[in-house]
Amino acid sequence: MKNIVLIVLIFAALLFLAPLLWNGIFPKGSISASADYPAPEVFRLQLVEKDEVIEIEAADYLTGCLWAQIPPGYHLEALKAQAAASFTYALRLSMGNRSADALQGADLSNDNVTNQPFFTEERARAHYGAEYDMYYDKIRQAAEYGAGRVLTFANEPIYAVYHGVSAGATNTAQNVWGISFPYLQSVSSDWDKEFINYLCTNEYTVLDVRDSLLAFDNDIIMPLDYGKWFTDYTADRAGYIMAVSARNLTLSGGDLWRILNLRSAAFVIEYTGEVFKVTTKGHGHGVGLSQFGADYMAQKGYNAEEILNHYYTDIIIRDVKKPNQ
């Protein structure tokens, strides 16, 4: 009799938990950890346009990052997720910058090539005009949230990379940079297909493509038949290019994305007889957080922690340790 009662109780508990699990109330991965993570309250930031290094509080730095990185009209929870990713990425970058002493004593730079985008208040006001005041409070709220969160894996800040719009699923770091991270795996983001410019086609002249390839490798061989310049594509199920033959070279999708400055790392190149037509899906390299996807999830009721746990696999989100703790 006792066994029957126990089975009934277990069954009732499962019936109660099943809808919660199904609806994503308990997202994949750990939301937080009890131990706080030590992080600086102030960064030394190199402003390349002014050739100077300033000290800036973390929340102020993230405010400038958000203005430069994500549409301010996105949902607050999406902005908070982006802020936490930007803060974590800054921590990871600063670790390398300090060890290499690459920035003349600075932790970070606003150079988009080596670091992440950042707008000064002056530049943000010039870029957004009247929208600056309209969105400032929301941007600031998200920045303060992000300054208190660190995304970790194996007790280290992750490379919390992000992009505009995925190709319907996110890309892997292996496809873009040739190195694998357990937290940067491909995850579903099918809702990104609703982005208004999800599919885009651009044309490149033969001369432009040739010059870009030669700048990458001066020994590359390009036959007279332009239609044979790019062959033997290997792509994943979302369409991200894993490898492509460029005559005597085998390039990754990330290589060609950078070489040709493509809109996305999910692409198809076709020679029309006059130009190279490139059709892309999504916007950006596709690895990590999809900003459009984050906004979609936020609109559906997911909070920042749930969004982050979806796009970064098996991470732990930790609170920043305060100085008096």
C-alpha atoms as a PDB file:
ATOM      1  CA  MET A   1       0.000   0.000   0.000  1.00  0.00           C
ATOM      2  CA  LYS A   2       2.801   2.367   0.908  1.00  0.00           C
ATOM      3  CA  ASN A   3       4.456   1.697  -2.463  1.00  0.00           C
ATOM      4  CA  ILE A   4       1.252   2.583  -4.306  1.00  0.00           C
ATOM      5  CA  VAL A   5       0.950   5.881  -2.403  1.00  0.00           C
ATOM      6  CA  LEU A   6       4.584   6.697  -3.142  1.00  0.00           C
ATOM      7  CA  ILE A   7       4.109   6.026  -6.853  1.00  0.00           C
ATOM      8  CA  VAL A   8       1.010   8.255  -6.910  1.00  0.00           C
ATOM      9  CA  LEU A   9       2.918  11.088  -5.224  1.00  0.00           C
ATOM     10  CA  ILE A  10       5.820  10.821  -7.649  1.00  0.00           C
ATOM     11  CA  PHE A  11       3.439  10.776 -10.612  1.00  0.00           C
ATOM     12  CA  ALA A  12       1.633  13.870  -9.300  1.00  0.00           C
ATOM     13  CA  ALA A  13       4.944  15.686  -8.861  1.00  0.00           C
ATOM     14  CA  LEU A  14       5.948  14.871 -12.429  1.00  0.00           C
ATOM     15  CA  LEU A  15       2.628  16.159 -13.724  1.00  0.00           C
ATOM     16  CA  PHE A  16       3.274  19.424 -11.882  1.00  0.00           C
ATOM     17  CA  LEU A  17       6.869  19.825 -13.073  1.00  0.00           C
ATOM     18  CA  ALA A  18       6.368  18.789 -16.692  1.00  0.00           C
ATOM     19  CA  PRO A  19       4.660  22.030 -17.858  1.00  0.00           C
ATOM     20  CA  LEU A  20       7.365  24.095 -16.168  1.00  0.00           C
ATOM     21  CA  LEU A  21      10.111  22.182 -17.902  1.00  0.00           C
ATOM     22  CA  TRP A  22       8.283  22.304 -21.226  1.00  0.00           C
ATOM     23  CA  ASN A  23       7.733  26.065 -21.060  1.00  0.00           C
ATOM     24  CA  GLY A  24      11.371  26.794 -20.294  1.00  0.00           C
ATOM     25  CA  ILE A  25      10.933  27.948 -16.716  1.00  0.00           C
ATOM     26  CA  PHE A  26      13.972  25.806 -15.932  1.00  0.00           C
ATOM     27  CA  PRO A  27      16.294  26.644 -18.887  1.00  0.00           C
ATOM     28  CA  LYS A  28      19.257  24.532 -19.848  1.00  0.00           C
ATOM     29  CA  GLY A  29      22.378  25.331 -17.821  1.00  0.00           C
ATOM     30  CA  SER A  30      22.916  26.860 -14.404  1.00  0.00           C
ATOM     31  CA  ILE A  31      21.435  30.309 -13.880  1.00  0.00           C
ATOM     32  CA  SER A  32      23.682  31.379 -11.028  1.00  0.00           C
ATOM     33  CA  ALA A  33      26.187  30.210  -8.483  1.00  0.00           C
ATOM     34  CA  SER A  34      26.437  31.005  -4.812  1.00  0.00           C
ATOM     35  CA  ALA A  35      30.048  32.187  -4.970  1.00  0.00           C
ATOM     36  CA  ASP A  36      30.571  35.739  -6.247  1.00  0.00           C
ATOM     37  CA  TYR A  37      33.166  36.453  -8.920  1.00  0.00           C
ATOM     38  CA  PRO A  38      35.840  39.142  -8.349  1.00  0.00           C
ATOM     39  CA  ALA A  39      35.805  41.748 -11.119  1.00  0.00           C
ATOM     40  CA  PRO A  40      37.186  45.287 -11.442  1.00  0.00           C
ATOM     41  CA  GLU A  41      34.867  48.250 -10.860  1.00  0.00           C
ATOM     42  CA  VAL A  42      37.020  50.471 -13.081  1.00  0.00           C
ATOM     43  CA  PHE A  43      38.645  49.830 -16.455  1.00  0.00           C
ATOM     44  CA  ARG A  44      41.504  51.701 -18.074  1.00  0.00           C
ATOM     45  CA  LEU A  45      40.158  52.335 -21.589  1.00  0.00           C
ATOM     46  CA  GLN A  46      42.233  53.446 -24.557  1.00  0.00           C
ATOM     47  CA  LEU A  47      40.368  55.894 -26.816  1.00  0.00           C
ATOM     48  CA  VAL A  48      42.171  55.459 -30.124  1.00  0.00           C
ATOM     49  CA  GLU A  49      40.675  58.559 -31.778  1.00  0.00           C
ATOM     50  CA  LYS A  50      42.004  60.772 -28.974  1.00  0.00           C
ATOM     51  CA  ASP A  51      45.193  58.780 -28.347  1.00  0.00           C
ATOM     52  CA  GLU A  52      44.549  58.763 -24.611  1.00  0.00           C
ATOM     53  CA  VAL A  53      43.765  56.322 -21.819  1.00  0.00           C
ATOM     54  CA  ILE A  54      40.919  57.097 -19.408  1.00  0.00           C
ATOM     55  CA  GLU A  55      39.630  55.430 -16.272  1.00  0.00           C
ATOM     56  CA  ILE A  56      35.969  54.479 -16.562  1.00  0.00           C
ATOM     57  CA  GLU A  57      33.594  52.684 -14.214  1.00  0.00           C
ATOM     58  CA  ALA A  58      32.249  49.365 -15.450  1.00  0.00           C
ATOM     59  CA  ALA A  59      28.630  50.575 -15.770  1.00  0.00           C
ATOM     60  CA  ASP A  60      29.756  53.654 -17.719  1.00  0.00           C
ATOM     61  CA  TYR A  61      31.833  51.475 -20.017  1.00  0.00           C
ATOM     62  CA  LEU A  62      28.892  49.145 -20.633  1.00  0.00           C
ATOM     63  CA  THR A  63      26.632  52.122 -21.336  1.00  0.00           C
ATOM     64  CA  GLY A  64      28.973  53.103 -24.161  1.00  0.00           C
ATOM     65  CA  CYS A  65      29.153  49.491 -25.332  1.00  0.00           C
ATOM     66  CA  LEU A  66      25.378  49.142 -25.554  1.00  0.00           C
ATOM     67  CA  TRP A  67      25.032  52.349 -27.591  1.00  0.00           C
ATOM     68  CA  ALA A  68      27.592  50.952 -30.046  1.00  0.00           C
ATOM     69  CA  GLN A  69      26.509  47.314 -30.146  1.00  0.00           C
ATOM     70  CA  ILE A  70      22.743  46.780 -30.105  1.00  0.00           C
ATOM     71  CA  PRO A  71      19.578  48.649 -31.181  1.00  0.00           C
ATOM     72  CA  PRO A  72      18.370  50.561 -28.083  1.00  0.00           C
ATOM     73  CA  GLY A  73      14.761  49.854 -29.044  1.00  0.00           C
ATOM     74  CA  TYR A  74      15.198  46.177 -28.207  1.00  0.00           C
ATOM     75  CA  HIS A  75      13.498  44.765 -25.105  1.00  0.00           C
ATOM     76  CA  LEU A  76      15.153  45.567 -21.763  1.00  0.00           C
ATOM     77  CA  GLU A  77      15.863  41.886 -21.048  1.00  0.00           C
ATOM     78  CA  ALA A  78      17.703  41.588 -24.368  1.00  0.00           C
ATOM     79  CA  LEU A  79      19.753  44.677 -23.524  1.00  0.00           C
ATOM     80  CA  LYS A  80      20.567  43.217 -20.101  1.00  0.00           C
ATOM     81  CA  ALA A  81      21.718  39.961 -21.710  1.00  0.00           C
ATOM     82  CA  GLN A  82      23.905  41.934 -24.123  1.00  0.00           C
ATOM     83  CA  ALA A  83      25.349  44.001 -21.251  1.00  0.00           C
ATOM     84  CA  ALA A  84      26.309  40.866 -19.294  1.00  0.00           C
ATOM     85  CA  ALA A  85      27.906  39.401 -22.425  1.00  0.00           C
ATOM     86  CA  SER A  86      29.801  42.640 -23.119  1.00  0.00           C
ATOM     87  CA  PHE A  87      31.050  42.857 -19.528  1.00  0.00           C
ATOM     88  CA  THR A  88      32.209  39.242 -19.555  1.00  0.00           C
ATOM     89  CA  TYR A  89      33.897  39.684 -22.919  1.00  0.00           C
ATOM     90  CA  ALA A  90      35.637  42.807 -21.589  1.00  0.00           C
ATOM     91  CA  LEU A  91      36.960  40.840 -18.619  1.00  0.00           C
ATOM     92  CA  ARG A  92      38.278  38.123 -20.923  1.00  0.00           C
ATOM     93  CA  LEU A  93      39.880  40.669 -23.270  1.00  0.00           C
ATOM     94  CA  SER A  94      41.455  42.598 -20.413  1.00  0.00           C
ATOM     95  CA  MET A  95      43.114  39.418 -19.129  1.00  0.00           C
ATOM     96  CA  GLY A  96      44.918  39.033 -22.444  1.00  0.00           C
ATOM     97  CA  ASN A  97      45.642  42.730 -22.863  1.00  0.00           C
ATOM     98  CA  ARG A  98      47.237  42.949 -19.445  1.00  0.00           C
ATOM     99  CA  SER A  99      49.455  39.929 -20.018  1.00  0.00           C
ATOM    100  CA  ALA A 100      50.575  41.212 -23.413  1.00  0.00           C
ATOM    101  CA  ASP A 101      50.828  44.857 -22.277  1.00  0.00           C
ATOM    102  CA  ALA A 102      49.388  45.636 -25.696  1.00  0.00           C
ATOM    103  CA  LEU A 103      47.582  48.885 -24.908  1.00  0.00           C
ATOM    104  CA  GLN A 104      50.171  51.008 -23.100  1.00  0.00           C
ATOM    105  CA  GLY A 105      48.823  50.199 -19.663  1.00  0.00           C
ATOM    106  CA  ALA A 106      45.144  50.102 -20.682  1.00  0.00           C
ATOM    107  CA  ASP A 107      42.842  47.156 -20.000  1.00  0.00           C
ATOM    108  CA  LEU A 108      40.690  47.722 -23.077  1.00  0.00           C
ATOM    109  CA  SER A 109      40.444  49.759 -26.254  1.00  0.00           C
ATOM    110  CA  ASN A 110      37.567  51.121 -28.316  1.00  0.00           C
ATOM    111  CA  ASP A 111      39.287  49.800 -31.440  1.00  0.00           C
ATOM    112  CA  ASN A 112      36.654  47.589 -33.076  1.00  0.00           C
ATOM    113  CA  VAL A 113      39.277  45.364 -34.694  1.00  0.00           C
ATOM    114  CA  THR A 114      41.055  44.249 -31.532  1.00  0.00           C
ATOM    115  CA  ASN A 115      38.368  44.940 -28.905  1.00  0.00           C
ATOM    116  CA  GLN A 116      34.591  45.486 -28.829  1.00  0.00           C
ATOM    117  CA  PRO A 117      32.636  48.527 -30.053  1.00  0.00           C
ATOM    118  CA  PHE A 118      32.229  51.439 -27.623  1.00  0.00           C
ATOM    119  CA  PHE A 119      30.685  54.903 -28.075  1.00  0.00           C
ATOM    120  CA  THR A 120      31.628  57.909 -25.990  1.00  0.00           C
ATOM    121  CA  GLU A 121      28.633  59.994 -24.877  1.00  0.00           C
ATOM    122  CA  GLU A 122      29.520  62.563 -27.538  1.00  0.00           C
ATOM    123  CA  ARG A 123      29.506  59.971 -30.294  1.00  0.00           C
ATOM    124  CA  ALA A 124      26.333  58.276 -29.018  1.00  0.00           C
ATOM    125  CA  ARG A 125      24.466  61.612 -28.954  1.00  0.00           C
ATOM    126  CA  ALA A 126      25.645  62.403 -32.480  1.00  0.00           C
ATOM    127  CA  HIS A 127      24.632  58.943 -33.708  1.00  0.00           C
ATOM    128  CA  TYR A 128      21.188  58.706 -32.093  1.00  0.00           C
ATOM    129  CA  GLY A 129      20.084  62.336 -31.896  1.00  0.00           C
ATOM    130  CA  ALA A 130      16.801  62.692 -29.996  1.00  0.00           C
ATOM    131  CA  GLU A 131      16.682  58.931 -29.393  1.00  0.00           C
ATOM    132  CA  TYR A 132      19.642  59.248 -27.019  1.00  0.00           C
ATOM    133  CA  ASP A 133      17.521  60.873 -24.306  1.00  0.00           C
ATOM    134  CA  MET A 134      14.568  58.630 -25.173  1.00  0.00           C
ATOM    135  CA  TYR A 135      16.470  55.416 -24.531  1.00  0.00           C
ATOM    136  CA  TYR A 136      19.091  56.518 -22.000  1.00  0.00           C
ATOM    137  CA  ASP A 137      17.336  55.256 -18.850  1.00  0.00           C
ATOM    138  CA  LYS A 138      16.780  51.808 -20.361  1.00  0.00           C
ATOM    139  CA  ILE A 139      20.355  51.589 -21.616  1.00  0.00           C
ATOM    140  CA  ARG A 140      21.662  52.636 -18.220  1.00  0.00           C
ATOM    141  CA  GLN A 141      19.501  50.099 -16.387  1.00  0.00           C
ATOM    142  CA  ALA A 142      20.805  47.324 -18.624  1.00  0.00           C
ATOM    143  CA  ALA A 143      24.404  48.497 -18.170  1.00  0.00           C
ATOM    144  CA  GLU A 144      24.114  48.436 -14.378  1.00  0.00           C
ATOM    145  CA  TYR A 145      22.688  44.926 -14.570  1.00  0.00           C
ATOM    146  CA  GLY A 146      25.531  43.764 -16.805  1.00  0.00           C
ATOM    147  CA  ALA A 147      28.189  45.256 -14.539  1.00  0.00           C
ATOM    148  CA  GLY A 148      26.996  42.921 -11.802  1.00  0.00           C
ATOM    149  CA  ARG A 149      27.075  39.656 -13.793  1.00  0.00           C
ATOM    150  CA  VAL A 150      29.886  37.467 -15.104  1.00  0.00           C
ATOM    151  CA  LEU A 151      29.325  34.487 -17.406  1.00  0.00           C
ATOM    152  CA  THR A 152      31.744  31.734 -16.432  1.00  0.00           C
ATOM    153  CA  PHE A 153      32.821  28.289 -17.510  1.00  0.00           C
ATOM    154  CA  ALA A 154      35.356  26.310 -15.461  1.00  0.00           C
ATOM    155  CA  ASN A 155      35.583  29.300 -13.124  1.00  0.00           C
ATOM    156  CA  GLU A 156      36.800  31.671 -15.882  1.00  0.00           C
ATOM    157  CA  PRO A 157      35.007  34.447 -17.801  1.00  0.00           C
ATOM    158  CA  ILE A 158      33.964  33.102 -21.177  1.00  0.00           C
ATOM    159  CA  TYR A 159      34.596  34.579 -24.590  1.00  0.00           C
ATOM    160  CA  ALA A 160      31.048  35.937 -24.634  1.00  0.00           C
ATOM    161  CA  VAL A 161      30.953  36.771 -28.334  1.00  0.00           C
ATOM    162  CA  TYR A 162      27.738  37.949 -29.967  1.00  0.00           C
ATOM    163  CA  HIS A 163      26.281  38.847 -33.352  1.00  0.00           C
ATOM    164  CA  GLY A 164      23.308  40.595 -34.925  1.00  0.00           C
ATOM    165  CA  VAL A 165      21.185  37.791 -36.416  1.00  0.00           C
ATOM    166  CA  SER A 166      21.879  34.072 -36.741  1.00  0.00           C
ATOM    167  CA  ALA A 167      21.149  31.885 -39.761  1.00  0.00           C
ATOM    168  CA  GLY A 168      18.358  30.107 -37.894  1.00  0.00           C
ATOM    169  CA  ALA A 169      20.844  28.447 -35.547  1.00  0.00           C
ATOM    170  CA  THR A 170      24.035  29.826 -34.084  1.00  0.00           C
ATOM    171  CA  ASN A 171      27.480  29.051 -35.471  1.00  0.00           C
ATOM    172  CA  THR A 172      30.417  27.395 -33.726  1.00  0.00           C
ATOM    173  CA  ALA A 173      33.711  29.047 -32.831  1.00  0.00           C
ATOM    174  CA  GLN A 174      35.459  26.258 -34.735  1.00  0.00           C
ATOM    175  CA  ASN A 175      33.900  27.366 -38.043  1.00  0.00           C
ATOM    176  CA  VAL A 176      34.932  30.989 -37.563  1.00  0.00           C
ATOM    177  CA  TRP A 177      38.203  31.016 -35.630  1.00  0.00           C
ATOM    178  CA  GLY A 178      39.390  27.416 -35.880  1.00  0.00           C
ATOM    179  CA  ILE A 179      39.180  26.762 -32.144  1.00  0.00           C
ATOM    180  CA  SER A 180      36.422  25.053 -30.199  1.00  0.00           C
ATOM    181  CA  PHE A 181      34.908  26.202 -26.908  1.00  0.00           C
ATOM    182  CA  PRO A 182      32.374  23.995 -25.084  1.00  0.00           C
ATOM    183  CA  TYR A 183      30.141  26.993 -24.359  1.00  0.00           C
ATOM    184  CA  LEU A 184      30.129  28.271 -27.977  1.00  0.00           C
ATOM    185  CA  GLN A 185      28.185  25.497 -29.657  1.00  0.00           C
ATOM    186  CA  SER A 186      25.408  25.674 -32.230  1.00  0.00           C
ATOM    187  CA  VAL A 187      21.956  26.176 -30.681  1.00  0.00           C
ATOM    188  CA  SER A 188      18.576  26.749 -32.263  1.00  0.00           C
ATOM    189  CA  SER A 189      17.519  30.318 -33.046  1.00  0.00           C
ATOM    190  CA  ASP A 190      14.914  29.598 -35.692  1.00  0.00           C
ATOM    191  CA  TRP A 191      13.016  32.795 -34.897  1.00  0.00           C
ATOM    192  CA  ASP A 192      15.881  34.806 -36.410  1.00  0.00           C
ATOM    193  CA  LYS A 193      14.439  33.935 -39.805  1.00  0.00           C
ATOM    194  CA  GLU A 194      11.766  36.554 -39.083  1.00  0.00           C
ATOM    195  CA  PHE A 195      14.382  39.344 -39.341  1.00  0.00           C
ATOM    196  CA  ILE A 196      13.359  41.652 -42.191  1.00  0.00           C
ATOM    197  CA  ASN A 197      16.748  41.395 -43.953  1.00  0.00           C
ATOM    198  CA  TYR A 198      17.422  37.770 -43.035  1.00  0.00           C
ATOM    199  CA  LEU A 199      18.309  36.948 -46.667  1.00  0.00           C
ATOM    200  CA  CYS A 200      20.547  39.425 -48.443  1.00  0.00           C
ATOM    201  CA  THR A 201      22.293  39.437 -51.820  1.00  0.00           C
ATOM    202  CA  ASN A 202      25.325  41.560 -52.660  1.00  0.00           C
ATOM    203  CA  GLU A 203      27.515  41.727 -55.738  1.00  0.00           C
ATOM    204  CA  TYR A 204      31.321  41.899 -55.837  1.00  0.00           C
ATOM    205  CA  THR A 205      33.419  42.678 -58.895  1.00  0.00           C
ATOM    206  CA  VAL A 206      36.100  40.238 -59.983  1.00  0.00           C
ATOM    207  CA  LEU A 207      38.709  42.915 -59.278  1.00  0.00           C
ATOM    208  CA  ASP A 208      37.475  43.448 -55.708  1.00  0.00           C
ATOM    209  CA  VAL A 209      37.465  39.723 -54.964  1.00  0.00           C
ATOM    210  CA  ARG A 210      40.901  39.233 -56.506  1.00  0.00           C
ATOM    211  CA  ASP A 211      42.442  42.117 -54.553  1.00  0.00           C
ATOM    212  CA  SER A 212      40.917  40.847 -51.287  1.00  0.00           C
ATOM    213  CA  LEU A 213      42.221  37.307 -51.853  1.00  0.00           C
ATOM    214  CA  LEU A 214      45.706  38.526 -52.775  1.00  0.00           C
ATOM    215  CA  ALA A 215      45.802  40.727 -49.681  1.00  0.00           C
ATOM    216  CA  PHE A 216      45.102  37.590 -47.643  1.00  0.00           C
ATOM    217  CA  ASP A 217      47.650  35.385 -49.452  1.00  0.00           C
ATOM    218  CA  ASN A 218      49.816  36.711 -52.243  1.00  0.00           C
ATOM    219  CA  ASP A 219      50.558  33.149 -53.443  1.00  0.00           C
ATOM    220  CA  ILE A 220      46.954  32.218 -54.138  1.00  0.00           C
ATOM    221  CA  ILE A 221      46.325  30.851 -57.642  1.00  0.00           C
ATOM    222  CA  MET A 222      43.248  32.179 -59.453  1.00  0.00           C
ATOM    223  CA  PRO A 223      42.409  30.521 -62.807  1.00  0.00           C
ATOM    224  CA  LEU A 224      41.052  32.405 -65.789  1.00  0.00           C
ATOM    225  CA  ASP A 225      37.700  30.676 -65.296  1.00  0.00           C
ATOM    226  CA  TYR A 226      36.251  32.842 -62.522  1.00  0.00           C
ATOM    227  CA  GLY A 227      33.543  30.256 -61.909  1.00  0.00           C
ATOM    228  CA  LYS A 228      36.236  27.937 -60.486  1.00  0.00           C
ATOM    229  CA  TRP A 229      37.558  30.385 -57.906  1.00  0.00           C
ATOM    230  CA  PHE A 230      35.332  28.968 -55.131  1.00  0.00           C
ATOM    231  CA  THR A 231      34.452  25.255 -55.122  1.00  0.00           C
ATOM    232  CA  ASP A 232      33.852  22.259 -52.838  1.00  0.00           C
ATOM    233  CA  TYR A 233      31.766  23.979 -50.201  1.00  0.00           C
ATOM    234  CA  THR A 234      31.199  22.237 -46.882  1.00  0.00           C
ATOM    235  CA  ALA A 235      28.435  23.733 -44.747  1.00  0.00           C
ATOM    236  CA  ASP A 236      26.567  22.804 -41.587  1.00  0.00           C
ATOM    237  CA  ARG A 237      22.799  22.385 -41.437  1.00  0.00           C
ATOM    238  CA  ALA A 238      22.194  26.087 -40.790  1.00  0.00           C
ATOM    239  CA  GLY A 239      24.262  27.061 -43.830  1.00  0.00           C
ATOM    240  CA  TYR A 240      27.410  28.263 -42.073  1.00  0.00           C
ATOM    241  CA  ILE A 241      30.417  27.524 -44.240  1.00  0.00           C
ATOM    242  CA  MET A 242      32.895  25.153 -42.636  1.00  0.00           C
ATOM    243  CA  ALA A 243      35.360  24.956 -45.534  1.00  0.00           C
ATOM    244  CA  VAL A 244      35.630  26.079 -49.164  1.00  0.00           C
ATOM    245  CA  SER A 245      38.334  25.591 -51.776  1.00  0.00           C
ATOM    246  CA  ALA A 246      39.790  28.777 -53.207  1.00  0.00           C
ATOM    247  CA  ARG A 247      41.891  27.138 -55.904  1.00  0.00           C
ATOM    248  CA  ASN A 248      45.077  26.096 -54.052  1.00  0.00           C
ATOM    249  CA  LEU A 249      43.824  27.102 -50.605  1.00  0.00           C
ATOM    250  CA  THR A 250      41.229  25.619 -48.279  1.00  0.00           C
ATOM    251  CA  LEU A 251      39.554  28.429 -46.365  1.00  0.00           C
ATOM    252  CA  SER A 252      37.123  28.341 -43.473  1.00  0.00           C
ATOM    253  CA  GLY A 253      33.838  30.192 -43.565  1.00  0.00           C
ATOM    254  CA  GLY A 254      35.307  32.594 -41.032  1.00  0.00           C
ATOM    255  CA  ASP A 255      38.274  33.240 -43.333  1.00  0.00           C
ATOM    256  CA  LEU A 256      36.072  34.250 -46.275  1.00  0.00           C
ATOM    257  CA  TRP A 257      33.723  36.194 -44.008  1.00  0.00           C
ATOM    258  CA  ARG A 258      36.703  38.317 -42.962  1.00  0.00           C
ATOM    259  CA  ILE A 259      38.524  38.408 -46.328  1.00  0.00           C
ATOM    260  CA  LEU A 260      35.516  39.601 -48.335  1.00  0.00           C
ATOM    261  CA  ASN A 261      33.869  41.488 -45.455  1.00  0.00           C
ATOM    262  CA  LEU A 262      30.684  39.477 -45.952  1.00  0.00           C
ATOM    263  CA  ARG A 263      27.448  40.268 -44.168  1.00  0.00           C
ATOM    264  CA  SER A 264      27.279  36.768 -42.664  1.00  0.00           C
ATOM    265  CA  ALA A 265      29.361  33.609 -42.296  1.00  0.00           C
ATOM    266  CA  ALA A 266      26.409  31.654 -43.771  1.00  0.00           C
ATOM    267  CA  PHE A 267      26.714  32.329 -47.485  1.00  0.00           C
ATOM    268  CA  VAL A 268      26.694  31.045 -51.043  1.00  0.00           C
ATOM    269  CA  ILE A 269      28.955  32.553 -53.730  1.00  0.00           C
ATOM    270  CA  GLU A 270      27.956  32.318 -57.376  1.00  0.00           C
ATOM    271  CA  TYR A 271      29.743  33.739 -60.408  1.00  0.00           C
ATOM    272  CA  THR A 272      27.133  35.148 -62.807  1.00  0.00           C
ATOM    273  CA  GLY A 273      29.441  35.688 -65.793  1.00  0.00           C
ATOM    274  CA  GLU A 274      30.012  39.310 -64.797  1.00  0.00           C
ATOM    275  CA  VAL A 275      30.171  39.543 -60.991  1.00  0.00           C
ATOM    276  CA  PHE A 276      30.285  37.360 -57.903  1.00  0.00           C
ATOM    277  CA  LYS A 277      26.818  37.248 -56.335  1.00  0.00           C
ATOM    278  CA  VAL A 278      26.895  36.473 -52.607  1.00  0.00           C
ATOM    279  CA  THR A 279      23.702  35.465 -50.820  1.00  0.00           C
ATOM    280  CA  THR A 280      23.871  35.516 -47.028  1.00  0.00           C
ATOM    281  CA  LYS A 281      21.624  34.432 -44.167  1.00  0.00           C
ATOM    282  CA  GLY A 282      21.565  36.470 -40.976  1.00  0.00           C
ATOM    283  CA  HIS A 283      24.102  39.107 -39.985  1.00  0.00           C
ATOM    284  CA  GLY A 284      27.511  38.542 -38.410  1.00  0.00           C
ATOM    285  CA  HIS A 285      29.688  35.538 -37.625  1.00  0.00           C
ATOM    286  CA  GLY A 286      26.775  33.782 -35.914  1.00  0.00           C
ATOM    287  CA  VAL A 287      28.625  32.636 -32.769  1.00  0.00           C
ATOM    288  CA  GLY A 288      27.229  33.115 -29.252  1.00  0.00           C
ATOM    289  CA  LEU A 289      24.392  35.504 -28.447  1.00  0.00           C
ATOM    290  CA  SER A 290      22.055  36.477 -31.279  1.00  0.00           C
ATOM    291  CA  GLN A 291      20.889  40.000 -30.501  1.00  0.00           C
ATOM    292  CA  PHE A 292      17.763  39.714 -32.646  1.00  0.00           C
ATOM    293  CA  GLY A 293      17.119  36.301 -31.127  1.00  0.00           C
ATOM    294  CA  ALA A 294      17.565  37.730 -27.635  1.00  0.00           C
ATOM    295  CA  ASP A 295      14.993  40.412 -28.381  1.00  0.00           C
ATOM    296  CA  TYR A 296      12.570  37.815 -29.748  1.00  0.00           C
ATOM    297  CA  MET A 297      12.960  35.654 -26.652  1.00  0.00           C
ATOM    298  CA  ALA A 298      12.522  38.680 -24.388  1.00  0.00           C
ATOM    299  CA  GLN A 299       9.311  39.609 -26.206  1.00  0.00           C
ATOM    300  CA  LYS A 300       8.094  36.072 -25.488  1.00  0.00           C
ATOM    301  CA  GLY A 301       8.680  36.516 -21.757  1.00  0.00           C
ATOM    302  CA  TYR A 302      12.188  35.108 -21.226  1.00  0.00           C
ATOM    303  CA  ASN A 303      14.467  37.044 -18.883  1.00  0.00           C
ATOM    304  CA  ALA A 304      18.136  37.871 -19.390  1.00  0.00           C
ATOM    305  CA  GLU A 305      19.402  34.828 -17.486  1.00  0.00           C
ATOM    306  CA  GLU A 306      17.272  32.455 -19.534  1.00  0.00           C
ATOM    307  CA  ILE A 307      18.408  34.103 -22.766  1.00  0.00           C
ATOM    308  CA  LEU A 308      22.067  33.845 -21.784  1.00  0.00           C
ATOM    309  CA  ASN A 309      21.720  30.211 -20.765  1.00  0.00           C
ATOM    310  CA  HIS A 310      20.143  29.436 -24.132  1.00  0.00           C
ATOM    311  CA  TYR A 311      22.894  30.965 -26.267  1.00  0.00           C
ATOM    312  CA  TYR A 312      25.912  29.997 -24.143  1.00  0.00           C
ATOM    313  CA  THR A 313      26.035  26.273 -23.378  1.00  0.00           C
ATOM    314  CA  ASP A 314      26.483  25.050 -19.775  1.00  0.00           C
ATOM    315  CA  ILE A 315      27.675  28.365 -18.351  1.00  0.00           C
ATOM    316  CA  ILE A 316      27.302  29.602 -14.786  1.00  0.00           C
ATOM    317  CA  ILE A 317      26.162  33.202 -14.283  1.00  0.00           C
ATOM    318  CA  ARG A 318      27.792  34.659 -11.216  1.00  0.00           C
ATOM    319  CA  ASP A 319      27.279  37.910  -9.354  1.00  0.00           C
ATOM    320  CA  VAL A 320      30.177  40.337  -9.192  1.00  0.00           C
ATOM    321  CA  LYS A 321      31.926  40.375  -5.840  1.00  0.00           C
ATOM    322  CA  LYS A 322      31.632  43.775  -4.170  1.00  0.00           C
ATOM    323  CA  PRO A 323      34.738  45.402  -2.631  1.00  0.00           C
ATOM    324  CA  ASN A 324      33.405  45.080   0.931  1.00  0.00           C
ATOM    325  CA  GLN A 325      32.553  41.381   0.550  1.00  0.00           C
END
